């Protein structure tokens, strides 16, 4: 709320509050009052701060959890369906690059994960395009592949399959990038338009697109029981890293980081500052005003960067910096990178674009992202209003940009390519490619 109360937040929060209070005071029934509250939430344009479905009133006793399905090692299709893997409906590029002259599809994104292709321009230069439809790692084909390999020796459980799918997701993306490079692409366009996010892979996968150091965004969590729970979770994970018998240097770093997170937890436990000012005035975000946020490491884990660890230290080092798990595929692409975004780019996809932009590793092209920013670093119960029973999920974290702003503001393109009246999607796709080709010559 401190962000939205700042001039940088793009919302006149005191004015919005006054309008909402007036609407509530003049409401003639519960329906009008509910709508006033819903209008308030929608005016903030933060997809993570959103209404949850009403719970039906029922006196029925909840049914017991049924037993797990019996899975056959030879039936990969049923197993993957039972593990909630489904077909991805966001296969196609967000703009129809496939319809342009000189385009050749290398991976269809359906039978082969990640749609990719090569467009040869009139001058003979080649632009590689790869589509990341989301950052959820729920691809059905990867589950089928993992099941058929692992089930040769035993019937795998859900956790084993999930780990294998995540590992294969990074490996497959790396393969697409190397294939484009081998095919002669000199520029790469990463399409995350209409990508509504997912998980921490939005930060981790950045390392595949460069061989340069990458620093994860600074992370803050709410000064609350939820924020404290996240800090406790990280301390526990770091202590588990000590049990993995790391090298002396990694052990020292784990111990130092545990001490730092314990200090953060102490800071979080101190008396909360008064945040009531957000309803009456607008204060500069980068000023000294109360935010009720506590530093919590980075979007990439407790540390925002970690140099390569020894092979025997990977498991322990990953407790410090999560992207270490993708070390084998780092630098799969090392040439110029452009990231295509639009108003449907949210959450982890914004983290991906912002990390590349923050580290000056890529230029963002297209239009501003949707503006969800950081959502949830740990599960928390929804906020339930006692009279209306309206239920809302409330974000518990903030990712900060290189300039100190909140990522919830959205990622502005370095190379704006905005929709114009009367322009077809094919024409806009061509304009995007012409824009990055021209920018590469400067």
Foldseek 3Di string as FASTA:
>chain_A
DLLLLAPNQVHVQLVLVVVLVVQCVPDPDPVSNVVSVQVSQVRSLAPLWHFDDFDDDDPDDDDDDDDQDDDDLVCLPVVLVSLVQDFDPQQAFPFPPVPDPQKDWDDRCGLANWTKIWRQDPVRAIEIETEDQEDALRHSNQLSVLSNVVSVVHRDDSVSSSVSSVLVVLVSVLVSLLVCVVVRHQEYEYGHALYAYHALCLPLSLQLAAPDFFFFFWKKFALDPQRLVLLVVLLVLLVVLVVLVADPVLNVVSVVLSVVSVVQSVVSPDDADDPVCSNPHHDHPPDDDGDRITTQCGSQANDRGDPADDPSSLSSVCSHGVSSVSVVNGHSHHHAYEYEYDQSRHESSLSNVQRCVLVVRYFYEEAWYNQNAAAEPDDDAWDADVPVRITTRGGTMFTAGNVRRTCSSTDGGPHYQYDDPPDDSNNSVVVRVVSVVVVVVD
